[in-house]
Amino acid sequence: MQGDLDHFEAEISRCRICADRFAATRTAHVPRPVTRLSDRAPILIAGQAPGARVHNSGLPFDDRSGDRLRDWLGVDRATFYDRDAFAILPMGFCFPGYSASGSDLPPPKICAATWRDRALDLMPQIRLTLLVGGYAQGWHMAGDRRSVTDRVAGWRANWPARVPLPHPSWRNTGWLKRHPWFEAELVPALRDRVATLLRTPDRG
């Protein structure tokens, strides 16, 4: 199965569907898909899209957002990048570029439409999917029109298979201060669930 995934991930790495779109952004960059697929990992991180730093390094969540996410999960970098532990599949595989105001552009919808179902079909062993941010939640929780805050506040309804999370960007520090229940209630439960999945031989 991993051989199929390796072949598929190599196919993704050659994707140039958005080349013209990215060339027209302020950064005028070329596509660089960033994923980490696995047929062994019990946990899938469904994020938004790589930022500029990840575009340069080719390593997902290789930034301050990743540091915060790893803290929420209670894992170190080595565990986070271990394909026996985590698979990482953002909604957009490439850095989408910046808007005129300097904000990250949204992940192009064509990315998920082209690749996502096929990728998920190749990872049936996933036991926990972390829905990081509104774009991932909008796709995986189709039909749920609530805000990110309300989805995250209702996390128990999806437990233990899916957990909606706010984006770990440091721009969301204010959100975390306004919603102390997130770090007081959800984060400890999430760390326990992650630890259980990573230490249980049958991936509980």
C-alpha atoms as a PDB file:
ATOM      1  CA  MET A   1       0.000   0.000   0.000  1.00  0.00           C
ATOM      2  CA  GLN A   2       2.803   2.445   0.847  1.00  0.00           C
ATOM      3  CA  GLY A   3       4.160   1.838  -2.626  1.00  0.00           C
ATOM      4  CA  ASP A   4       0.844   3.049  -4.046  1.00  0.00           C
ATOM      5  CA  LEU A   5       1.037   6.094  -1.797  1.00  0.00           C
ATOM      6  CA  ASP A   6       4.614   6.827  -2.806  1.00  0.00           C
ATOM      7  CA  HIS A   7       3.597   6.688  -6.471  1.00  0.00           C
ATOM      8  CA  PHE A   8       0.591   8.888  -5.799  1.00  0.00           C
ATOM      9  CA  GLU A   9       2.627  11.426  -3.812  1.00  0.00           C
ATOM     10  CA  ALA A  10       5.136  11.585  -6.660  1.00  0.00           C
ATOM     11  CA  GLU A  11       2.222  12.312  -8.993  1.00  0.00           C
ATOM     12  CA  ILE A  12       1.073  15.104  -6.672  1.00  0.00           C
ATOM     13  CA  SER A  13       4.586  16.579  -6.620  1.00  0.00           C
ATOM     14  CA  ARG A  14       4.381  17.074 -10.390  1.00  0.00           C
ATOM     15  CA  CYS A  15       1.040  18.910 -10.262  1.00  0.00           C
ATOM     16  CA  ARG A  16       1.087  22.267 -12.059  1.00  0.00           C
ATOM     17  CA  ILE A  17      -2.658  22.960 -12.282  1.00  0.00           C
ATOM     18  CA  CYS A  18      -2.263  26.290 -10.479  1.00  0.00           C
ATOM     19  CA  ALA A  19       0.933  27.473 -12.182  1.00  0.00           C
ATOM     20  CA  ASP A  20      -0.746  30.386 -13.967  1.00  0.00           C
ATOM     21  CA  ARG A  21      -2.699  31.328 -10.836  1.00  0.00           C
ATOM     22  CA  PHE A  22       0.443  31.472  -8.687  1.00  0.00           C
ATOM     23  CA  ALA A  23       2.430  33.337 -11.346  1.00  0.00           C
ATOM     24  CA  ALA A  24      -0.165  36.104 -11.150  1.00  0.00           C
ATOM     25  CA  THR A  25       0.238  36.624  -7.379  1.00  0.00           C
ATOM     26  CA  ARG A  26       2.515  39.158  -5.666  1.00  0.00           C
ATOM     27  CA  THR A  27       5.128  36.460  -5.096  1.00  0.00           C
ATOM     28  CA  ALA A  28       4.925  35.090  -8.676  1.00  0.00           C
ATOM     29  CA  HIS A  29       6.036  31.698  -7.352  1.00  0.00           C
ATOM     30  CA  VAL A  30       5.907  28.261  -8.936  1.00  0.00           C
ATOM     31  CA  PRO A  31       3.892  25.361  -7.492  1.00  0.00           C
ATOM     32  CA  ARG A  32       5.537  23.233  -4.822  1.00  0.00           C
ATOM     33  CA  PRO A  33       3.077  20.687  -3.405  1.00  0.00           C
ATOM     34  CA  VAL A  34       3.787  19.785   0.226  1.00  0.00           C
ATOM     35  CA  THR A  35       2.159  16.632   1.642  1.00  0.00           C
ATOM     36  CA  ARG A  36       3.096  13.705   3.890  1.00  0.00           C
ATOM     37  CA  LEU A  37       0.973  10.648   3.141  1.00  0.00           C
ATOM     38  CA  SER A  38       1.147   7.360   5.042  1.00  0.00           C
ATOM     39  CA  ASP A  39      -0.577   3.981   5.094  1.00  0.00           C
ATOM     40  CA  ARG A  40       0.488   3.496   8.728  1.00  0.00           C
ATOM     41  CA  ALA A  41      -0.251   6.745  10.560  1.00  0.00           C
ATOM     42  CA  PRO A  42      -3.389   6.686  12.745  1.00  0.00           C
ATOM     43  CA  ILE A  43      -3.720  10.475  12.723  1.00  0.00           C
ATOM     44  CA  LEU A  44      -4.386  12.768   9.773  1.00  0.00           C
ATOM     45  CA  ILE A  45      -3.786  16.507   9.958  1.00  0.00           C
ATOM     46  CA  ALA A  46      -6.049  18.291   7.496  1.00  0.00           C
ATOM     47  CA  GLY A  47      -4.719  21.825   7.345  1.00  0.00           C
ATOM     48  CA  GLN A  48      -5.228  24.863   5.141  1.00  0.00           C
ATOM     49  CA  ALA A  49      -2.241  25.372   2.820  1.00  0.00           C
ATOM     50  CA  PRO A  50       1.524  25.860   3.197  1.00  0.00           C
ATOM     51  CA  GLY A  51       2.777  29.311   4.061  1.00  0.00           C
ATOM     52  CA  ALA A  52       5.786  31.007   2.493  1.00  0.00           C
ATOM     53  CA  ARG A  53       8.270  29.423   4.915  1.00  0.00           C
ATOM     54  CA  VAL A  54       6.901  25.935   4.274  1.00  0.00           C
ATOM     55  CA  HIS A  55       6.989  26.627   0.541  1.00  0.00           C
ATOM     56  CA  ASN A  56      10.722  27.287   0.898  1.00  0.00           C
ATOM     57  CA  SER A  57      11.528  24.332   3.181  1.00  0.00           C
ATOM     58  CA  GLY A  58       9.147  21.746   1.729  1.00  0.00           C
ATOM     59  CA  LEU A  59       8.298  20.566   5.257  1.00  0.00           C
ATOM     60  CA  PRO A  60       4.681  21.038   6.425  1.00  0.00           C
ATOM     61  CA  PHE A  61       4.103  23.122   9.545  1.00  0.00           C
ATOM     62  CA  ASP A  62       7.783  24.054   9.645  1.00  0.00           C
ATOM     63  CA  ASP A  63       6.945  27.388  11.250  1.00  0.00           C
ATOM     64  CA  ARG A  64       5.554  28.971  14.406  1.00  0.00           C
ATOM     65  CA  SER A  65       2.086  27.651  13.609  1.00  0.00           C
ATOM     66  CA  GLY A  66       3.579  24.178  13.605  1.00  0.00           C
ATOM     67  CA  ASP A  67       5.206  24.809  16.973  1.00  0.00           C
ATOM     68  CA  ARG A  68       1.834  25.746  18.442  1.00  0.00           C
ATOM     69  CA  LEU A  69       0.087  22.783  16.815  1.00  0.00           C
ATOM     70  CA  ARG A  70       2.701  20.358  18.168  1.00  0.00           C
ATOM     71  CA  ASP A  71       2.178  21.859  21.627  1.00  0.00           C
ATOM     72  CA  TRP A  72      -1.584  21.288  21.333  1.00  0.00           C
ATOM     73  CA  LEU A  73      -0.925  17.667  20.355  1.00  0.00           C
ATOM     74  CA  GLY A  74       1.723  17.097  23.025  1.00  0.00           C
ATOM     75  CA  VAL A  75       4.317  15.759  20.563  1.00  0.00           C
ATOM     76  CA  ASP A  76       7.849  16.725  19.584  1.00  0.00           C
ATOM     77  CA  ARG A  77       9.087  17.422  16.050  1.00  0.00           C
ATOM     78  CA  ALA A  78      10.450  13.912  15.539  1.00  0.00           C
ATOM     79  CA  THR A  79       7.087  12.336  16.361  1.00  0.00           C
ATOM     80  CA  PHE A  80       5.176  14.915  14.342  1.00  0.00           C
ATOM     81  CA  TYR A  81       7.175  14.106  11.199  1.00  0.00           C
ATOM     82  CA  ASP A  82       7.115  10.340  11.749  1.00  0.00           C
ATOM     83  CA  ARG A  83       4.923   8.765   9.041  1.00  0.00           C
ATOM     84  CA  ASP A  84       4.112   5.966  11.491  1.00  0.00           C
ATOM     85  CA  ALA A  85       2.350   8.620  13.587  1.00  0.00           C
ATOM     86  CA  PHE A  86       0.970  11.407  11.393  1.00  0.00           C
ATOM     87  CA  ALA A  87      -0.141  11.962   7.818  1.00  0.00           C
ATOM     88  CA  ILE A  88      -0.500  15.562   6.634  1.00  0.00           C
ATOM     89  CA  LEU A  89      -2.890  16.534   3.844  1.00  0.00           C
ATOM     90  CA  PRO A  90      -3.724  20.252   3.533  1.00  0.00           C
ATOM     91  CA  MET A  91      -6.699  21.548   1.580  1.00  0.00           C
ATOM     92  CA  GLY A  92      -4.288  23.242  -0.790  1.00  0.00           C
ATOM     93  CA  PHE A  93      -0.988  21.481  -1.345  1.00  0.00           C
ATOM     94  CA  CYS A  94       0.911  24.612  -2.417  1.00  0.00           C
ATOM     95  CA  PHE A  95       1.529  28.067  -0.978  1.00  0.00           C
ATOM     96  CA  PRO A  96      -1.280  30.107  -2.583  1.00  0.00           C
ATOM     97  CA  GLY A  97       0.520  33.455  -2.452  1.00  0.00           C
ATOM     98  CA  TYR A  98      -0.460  36.786  -0.931  1.00  0.00           C
ATOM     99  CA  SER A  99      -3.380  39.076  -1.544  1.00  0.00           C
ATOM    100  CA  ALA A 100      -2.929  42.786  -2.253  1.00  0.00           C
ATOM    101  CA  SER A 101      -3.189  43.405   1.508  1.00  0.00           C
ATOM    102  CA  GLY A 102      -0.435  40.902   2.280  1.00  0.00           C
ATOM    103  CA  SER A 103      -2.644  38.141   3.658  1.00  0.00           C
ATOM    104  CA  ASP A 104      -2.392  34.517   2.542  1.00  0.00           C
ATOM    105  CA  LEU A 105      -4.758  33.767  -0.308  1.00  0.00           C
ATOM    106  CA  PRO A 106      -7.244  30.908   0.228  1.00  0.00           C
ATOM    107  CA  PRO A 107      -6.307  27.447  -1.025  1.00  0.00           C
ATOM    108  CA  PRO A 108      -7.598  26.983  -4.584  1.00  0.00           C
ATOM    109  CA  LYS A 109     -10.646  24.697  -4.556  1.00  0.00           C
ATOM    110  CA  ILE A 110      -9.369  22.811  -7.590  1.00  0.00           C
ATOM    111  CA  CYS A 111      -6.692  21.197  -5.431  1.00  0.00           C
ATOM    112  CA  ALA A 112      -9.123  19.304  -3.201  1.00  0.00           C
ATOM    113  CA  ALA A 113     -11.405  18.584  -6.139  1.00  0.00           C
ATOM    114  CA  THR A 114      -8.523  16.989  -8.040  1.00  0.00           C
ATOM    115  CA  TRP A 115      -6.680  15.077  -5.331  1.00  0.00           C
ATOM    116  CA  ARG A 116      -8.409  14.805  -1.972  1.00  0.00           C
ATOM    117  CA  ASP A 117     -10.783  11.868  -2.368  1.00  0.00           C
ATOM    118  CA  ARG A 118      -8.064   9.776  -3.981  1.00  0.00           C
ATOM    119  CA  ALA A 119      -5.613  10.557  -1.172  1.00  0.00           C
ATOM    120  CA  LEU A 120      -8.098   9.705   1.574  1.00  0.00           C
ATOM    121  CA  ASP A 121      -9.031   6.437  -0.131  1.00  0.00           C
ATOM    122  CA  LEU A 122      -5.387   5.395   0.087  1.00  0.00           C
ATOM    123  CA  MET A 123      -5.301   5.976   3.865  1.00  0.00           C
ATOM    124  CA  PRO A 124      -8.187   3.894   5.289  1.00  0.00           C
ATOM    125  CA  GLN A 125      -6.278   3.270   8.537  1.00  0.00           C
ATOM    126  CA  ILE A 126      -6.779   6.835   9.798  1.00  0.00           C
ATOM    127  CA  ARG A 127      -8.500   6.847  13.201  1.00  0.00           C
ATOM    128  CA  LEU A 128      -8.389  10.550  14.028  1.00  0.00           C
ATOM    129  CA  THR A 129      -8.654  13.486  11.646  1.00  0.00           C
ATOM    130  CA  LEU A 130      -7.697  16.938  12.898  1.00  0.00           C
ATOM    131  CA  LEU A 131      -9.593  19.633  10.996  1.00  0.00           C
ATOM    132  CA  VAL A 132      -7.316  22.637  11.311  1.00  0.00           C
ATOM    133  CA  GLY A 133      -9.087  25.857  10.358  1.00  0.00           C
ATOM    134  CA  GLY A 134     -12.184  26.799   8.437  1.00  0.00           C
ATOM    135  CA  TYR A 135     -11.242  25.457   5.010  1.00  0.00           C
ATOM    136  CA  ALA A 136     -10.616  21.921   6.259  1.00  0.00           C
ATOM    137  CA  GLN A 137     -13.752  22.017   8.367  1.00  0.00           C
ATOM    138  CA  GLY A 138     -15.820  23.298   5.447  1.00  0.00           C
ATOM    139  CA  TRP A 139     -14.784  20.318   3.311  1.00  0.00           C
ATOM    140  CA  HIS A 140     -14.860  17.547   5.913  1.00  0.00           C
ATOM    141  CA  MET A 141     -17.961  18.881   7.684  1.00  0.00           C
ATOM    142  CA  ALA A 142     -19.881  19.728   4.534  1.00  0.00           C
ATOM    143  CA  GLY A 143     -23.284  21.184   5.336  1.00  0.00           C
ATOM    144  CA  ASP A 144     -22.224  22.509   8.744  1.00  0.00           C
ATOM    145  CA  ARG A 145     -22.605  26.266   8.292  1.00  0.00           C
ATOM    146  CA  ARG A 146     -21.488  27.234  11.768  1.00  0.00           C
ATOM    147  CA  SER A 147     -18.478  29.436  12.418  1.00  0.00           C
ATOM    148  CA  VAL A 148     -15.083  27.962  13.230  1.00  0.00           C
ATOM    149  CA  THR A 149     -15.607  28.986  16.854  1.00  0.00           C
ATOM    150  CA  ASP A 150     -18.933  27.162  17.089  1.00  0.00           C
ATOM    151  CA  ARG A 151     -17.574  24.051  15.388  1.00  0.00           C
ATOM    152  CA  VAL A 152     -14.602  23.938  17.747  1.00  0.00           C
ATOM    153  CA  ALA A 153     -16.854  24.574  20.753  1.00  0.00           C
ATOM    154  CA  GLY A 154     -18.959  21.583  19.671  1.00  0.00           C
ATOM    155  CA  TRP A 155     -15.939  19.285  19.357  1.00  0.00           C
ATOM    156  CA  ARG A 156     -17.475  16.556  21.511  1.00  0.00           C
ATOM    157  CA  ALA A 157     -20.103  15.855  18.836  1.00  0.00           C
ATOM    158  CA  ASN A 158     -17.389  14.585  16.458  1.00  0.00           C
ATOM    159  CA  TRP A 159     -15.257  12.837  19.063  1.00  0.00           C
ATOM    160  CA  PRO A 160     -13.202  10.664  18.809  1.00  0.00           C
ATOM    161  CA  ALA A 161     -12.916  10.366  15.011  1.00  0.00           C
ATOM    162  CA  ARG A 162     -12.678  14.056  14.110  1.00  0.00           C
ATOM    163  CA  VAL A 163     -11.603  17.149  16.011  1.00  0.00           C
ATOM    164  CA  PRO A 164     -12.158  20.654  14.598  1.00  0.00           C
ATOM    165  CA  LEU A 165      -9.394  23.045  15.652  1.00  0.00           C
ATOM    166  CA  PRO A 166      -8.736  26.744  15.133  1.00  0.00           C
ATOM    167  CA  HIS A 167      -5.788  27.548  12.943  1.00  0.00           C
ATOM    168  CA  PRO A 168      -2.649  27.559  15.131  1.00  0.00           C
ATOM    169  CA  SER A 169      -1.428  30.806  13.586  1.00  0.00           C
ATOM    170  CA  TRP A 170      -0.063  33.285  16.098  1.00  0.00           C
ATOM    171  CA  ARG A 171      -2.607  35.718  14.688  1.00  0.00           C
ATOM    172  CA  ASN A 172      -5.161  33.671  16.632  1.00  0.00           C
ATOM    173  CA  THR A 173      -3.581  34.402  20.015  1.00  0.00           C
ATOM    174  CA  GLY A 174      -6.439  36.793  20.761  1.00  0.00           C
ATOM    175  CA  TRP A 175      -8.966  34.081  19.936  1.00  0.00           C
ATOM    176  CA  LEU A 176      -7.297  31.735  22.419  1.00  0.00           C
ATOM    177  CA  LYS A 177      -7.441  34.376  25.147  1.00  0.00           C
ATOM    178  CA  ARG A 178     -11.140  34.970  24.474  1.00  0.00           C
ATOM    179  CA  HIS A 179     -11.929  31.247  24.570  1.00  0.00           C
ATOM    180  CA  PRO A 180      -9.977  29.777  27.519  1.00  0.00           C
ATOM    181  CA  TRP A 181     -12.070  26.586  27.399  1.00  0.00           C
ATOM    182  CA  PHE A 182     -10.077  25.532  24.330  1.00  0.00           C
ATOM    183  CA  GLU A 183      -6.801  25.072  26.191  1.00  0.00           C
ATOM    184  CA  ALA A 184      -8.501  24.072  29.448  1.00  0.00           C
ATOM    185  CA  GLU A 185     -10.799  21.366  28.024  1.00  0.00           C
ATOM    186  CA  LEU A 186     -10.154  20.437  24.405  1.00  0.00           C
ATOM    187  CA  VAL A 187      -6.346  20.448  24.390  1.00  0.00           C
ATOM    188  CA  PRO A 188      -5.929  18.016  27.351  1.00  0.00           C
ATOM    189  CA  ALA A 189      -8.476  15.627  25.811  1.00  0.00           C
ATOM    190  CA  LEU A 190      -6.725  15.876  22.457  1.00  0.00           C
ATOM    191  CA  ARG A 191      -3.310  15.152  23.962  1.00  0.00           C
ATOM    192  CA  ASP A 192      -4.710  12.070  25.694  1.00  0.00           C
ATOM    193  CA  ARG A 193      -6.317  10.821  22.467  1.00  0.00           C
ATOM    194  CA  VAL A 194      -3.132  11.365  20.478  1.00  0.00           C
ATOM    195  CA  ALA A 195      -1.006   9.635  23.113  1.00  0.00           C
ATOM    196  CA  THR A 196      -3.379   6.662  23.165  1.00  0.00           C
ATOM    197  CA  LEU A 197      -3.302   6.267  19.390  1.00  0.00           C
ATOM    198  CA  LEU A 198       0.468   6.505  19.230  1.00  0.00           C
ATOM    199  CA  ARG A 199       1.161   3.958  21.961  1.00  0.00           C
ATOM    200  CA  THR A 200      -1.568   1.386  21.220  1.00  0.00           C
ATOM    201  CA  PRO A 201      -0.378  -1.436  18.916  1.00  0.00           C
ATOM    202  CA  ASP A 202      -3.756  -1.758  17.188  1.00  0.00           C
ATOM    203  CA  ARG A 203      -3.969   2.046  16.943  1.00  0.00           C
ATOM    204  CA  GLY A 204      -7.102   2.107  19.190  1.00  0.00           C
END
